[in-house]
Amino acid sequence: MAANWWLALIIIAVLNGIVLWEWFWSSEPVSKTARKWFFIVANAVGVCLAVVELIWLDL
């Protein structure tokens, strides 16, 4: 069961790493609203993937 939680944590960390990479090393100017929504959507996808992974591996 602990491995499931670690995998869920890794999923969230990877998606947040992608968001941070885009914020810091992107050469295109992005508005604060777009950054906020990119962050929200990336974390929503990460949470969904983590929950699905936890449910799927418990079956």
N, C-alpha and C. Protein backbone atom coordinates (compact mmCIF):
# COMPACT_ATOMS: atom_id res chain seq x y z
N MET A 1 0.82 -1.20 0.00
CA MET A 1 0.00 0.00 0.00
C MET A 1 0.86 1.26 0.00
N ALA A 2 2.00 1.21 0.68
CA ALA A 2 2.87 2.38 0.72
C ALA A 2 3.43 2.71 -0.65
N ALA A 3 3.65 1.68 -1.46
CA ALA A 3 4.15 1.91 -2.82
C ALA A 3 3.12 2.68 -3.64
N ASN A 4 1.84 2.42 -3.41
CA ASN A 4 0.79 3.15 -4.11
C ASN A 4 0.85 4.64 -3.78
N TRP A 5 1.05 4.95 -2.51
CA TRP A 5 1.11 6.36 -2.10
C TRP A 5 2.36 7.03 -2.68
N TRP A 6 3.46 6.30 -2.72
CA TRP A 6 4.68 6.87 -3.31
C TRP A 6 4.48 7.14 -4.80
N LEU A 7 3.83 6.24 -5.49
CA LEU A 7 3.58 6.44 -6.91
C LEU A 7 2.65 7.63 -7.14
N ALA A 8 1.64 7.79 -6.30
CA ALA A 8 0.75 8.95 -6.40
C ALA A 8 1.52 10.24 -6.15
N LEU A 9 2.41 10.23 -5.18
CA LEU A 9 3.23 11.41 -4.89
C LEU A 9 4.15 11.73 -6.05
N ILE A 10 4.72 10.72 -6.68
CA ILE A 10 5.60 10.92 -7.83
C ILE A 10 4.82 11.53 -9.00
N ILE A 11 3.59 11.07 -9.22
CA ILE A 11 2.76 11.63 -10.30
C ILE A 11 2.56 13.11 -10.09
N ILE A 12 2.18 13.51 -8.88
CA ILE A 12 1.95 14.93 -8.57
C ILE A 12 3.26 15.72 -8.71
N ALA A 13 4.35 15.18 -8.21
CA ALA A 13 5.63 15.88 -8.27
C ALA A 13 6.10 16.09 -9.71
N VAL A 14 5.91 15.09 -10.55
CA VAL A 14 6.32 15.21 -11.95
C VAL A 14 5.50 16.29 -12.66
N LEU A 15 4.20 16.29 -12.45
CA LEU A 15 3.37 17.31 -13.11
C LEU A 15 3.69 18.72 -12.59
N ASN A 16 3.95 18.85 -11.30
CA ASN A 16 4.34 20.15 -10.78
C ASN A 16 5.72 20.56 -11.28
N GLY A 17 6.60 19.61 -11.48
CA GLY A 17 7.90 19.90 -12.06
C GLY A 17 7.78 20.42 -13.48
N ILE A 18 6.85 19.84 -14.24
CA ILE A 18 6.61 20.33 -15.61
C ILE A 18 6.09 21.75 -15.57
N VAL A 19 5.17 22.04 -14.66
CA VAL A 19 4.63 23.40 -14.53
C VAL A 19 5.76 24.37 -14.18
N LEU A 20 6.58 24.04 -13.21
CA LEU A 20 7.67 24.93 -12.82
C LEU A 20 8.67 25.11 -13.95
N TRP A 21 8.97 24.05 -14.68
CA TRP A 21 9.89 24.14 -15.81
C TRP A 21 9.35 25.13 -16.84
N GLU A 22 8.08 25.05 -17.14
CA GLU A 22 7.47 25.96 -18.11
C GLU A 22 7.51 27.40 -17.60
N TRP A 23 7.27 27.60 -16.32
CA TRP A 23 7.26 28.95 -15.75
C TRP A 23 8.64 29.59 -15.80
N PHE A 24 9.67 28.84 -15.43
CA PHE A 24 11.01 29.42 -15.29
C PHE A 24 11.80 29.47 -16.58
N TRP A 25 11.61 28.49 -17.46
CA TRP A 25 12.44 28.43 -18.65
C TRP A 25 11.69 28.65 -19.96
N SER A 26 10.47 29.09 -19.87
CA SER A 26 9.72 29.38 -21.09
C SER A 26 10.13 30.74 -21.64
N SER A 27 10.34 30.80 -22.94
CA SER A 27 10.77 32.06 -23.56
C SER A 27 9.59 32.93 -23.96
N GLU A 28 8.38 32.37 -23.91
CA GLU A 28 7.19 33.14 -24.28
C GLU A 28 6.59 33.80 -23.05
N PRO A 29 6.18 35.06 -23.19
CA PRO A 29 5.51 35.71 -22.06
C PRO A 29 4.10 35.13 -21.86
N VAL A 30 3.77 34.85 -20.61
CA VAL A 30 2.48 34.25 -20.29
C VAL A 30 1.83 35.11 -19.21
N SER A 31 0.54 35.35 -19.36
CA SER A 31 -0.18 36.16 -18.38
C SER A 31 -0.33 35.40 -17.06
N LYS A 32 -0.59 36.14 -16.00
CA LYS A 32 -0.77 35.51 -14.68
C LYS A 32 -2.00 34.62 -14.67
N THR A 33 -3.03 35.02 -15.40
CA THR A 33 -4.24 34.20 -15.46
C THR A 33 -3.96 32.86 -16.14
N ALA A 34 -3.21 32.90 -17.24
CA ALA A 34 -2.87 31.65 -17.93
C ALA A 34 -2.00 30.77 -17.05
N ARG A 35 -1.05 31.36 -16.33
CA ARG A 35 -0.21 30.58 -15.42
C ARG A 35 -1.04 29.92 -14.33
N LYS A 36 -1.98 30.69 -13.78
CA LYS A 36 -2.83 30.17 -12.71
C LYS A 36 -3.64 28.97 -13.22
N TRP A 37 -4.24 29.11 -14.41
CA TRP A 37 -5.05 28.02 -14.94
C TRP A 37 -4.21 26.82 -15.35
N PHE A 38 -3.00 27.06 -15.85
CA PHE A 38 -2.10 25.96 -16.17
C PHE A 38 -1.76 25.18 -14.91
N PHE A 39 -1.50 25.88 -13.82
CA PHE A 39 -1.21 25.26 -12.55
C PHE A 39 -2.42 24.46 -12.04
N ILE A 40 -3.60 25.06 -12.12
CA ILE A 40 -4.82 24.40 -11.63
C ILE A 40 -5.12 23.15 -12.45
N VAL A 41 -5.03 23.26 -13.76
CA VAL A 41 -5.34 22.11 -14.62
C VAL A 41 -4.30 21.00 -14.43
N ALA A 42 -3.04 21.35 -14.35
CA ALA A 42 -1.99 20.33 -14.15
C ALA A 42 -2.19 19.61 -12.82
N ASN A 43 -2.53 20.34 -11.77
CA ASN A 43 -2.75 19.69 -10.48
C ASN A 43 -4.04 18.88 -10.46
N ALA A 44 -5.08 19.34 -11.15
CA ALA A 44 -6.32 18.57 -11.24
C ALA A 44 -6.08 17.25 -11.97
N VAL A 45 -5.33 17.31 -13.05
CA VAL A 45 -4.98 16.08 -13.78
C VAL A 45 -4.14 15.17 -12.89
N GLY A 46 -3.19 15.75 -12.17
CA GLY A 46 -2.35 14.94 -11.28
C GLY A 46 -3.14 14.27 -10.17
N VAL A 47 -4.08 14.99 -9.59
CA VAL A 47 -4.91 14.41 -8.53
C VAL A 47 -5.78 13.29 -9.10
N CYS A 48 -6.37 13.53 -10.26
CA CYS A 48 -7.19 12.49 -10.90
C CYS A 48 -6.36 11.24 -11.20
N LEU A 49 -5.17 11.44 -11.77
CA LEU A 49 -4.30 10.29 -12.05
C LEU A 49 -3.89 9.55 -10.78
N ALA A 50 -3.59 10.31 -9.73
CA ALA A 50 -3.19 9.69 -8.47
C ALA A 50 -4.33 8.89 -7.86
N VAL A 51 -5.54 9.43 -7.88
CA VAL A 51 -6.70 8.71 -7.32
C VAL A 51 -7.00 7.46 -8.14
N VAL A 52 -6.96 7.59 -9.46
CA VAL A 52 -7.20 6.43 -10.32
C VAL A 52 -6.14 5.36 -10.08
N GLU A 53 -4.91 5.78 -9.92
CA GLU A 53 -3.82 4.83 -9.65
C GLU A 53 -4.04 4.12 -8.32
N LEU A 54 -4.45 4.86 -7.31
CA LEU A 54 -4.69 4.24 -6.00
C LEU A 54 -5.84 3.23 -6.07
N ILE A 55 -6.90 3.59 -6.77
CA ILE A 55 -8.05 2.68 -6.90
C ILE A 55 -7.67 1.47 -7.74
N TRP A 56 -7.00 1.72 -8.87
CA TRP A 56 -6.68 0.64 -9.79
C TRP A 56 -5.73 -0.38 -9.17
N LEU A 57 -4.72 0.08 -8.45
CA LEU A 57 -3.76 -0.85 -7.86
C LEU A 57 -4.33 -1.60 -6.66
N ASP A 58 -5.41 -1.09 -6.07
CA ASP A 58 -6.02 -1.79 -4.94
C ASP A 58 -6.97 -2.90 -5.39
N LEU A 59 -7.36 -2.90 -6.66
CA LEU A 59 -8.29 -3.93 -7.15
C LEU A 59 -7.62 -5.26 -7.35
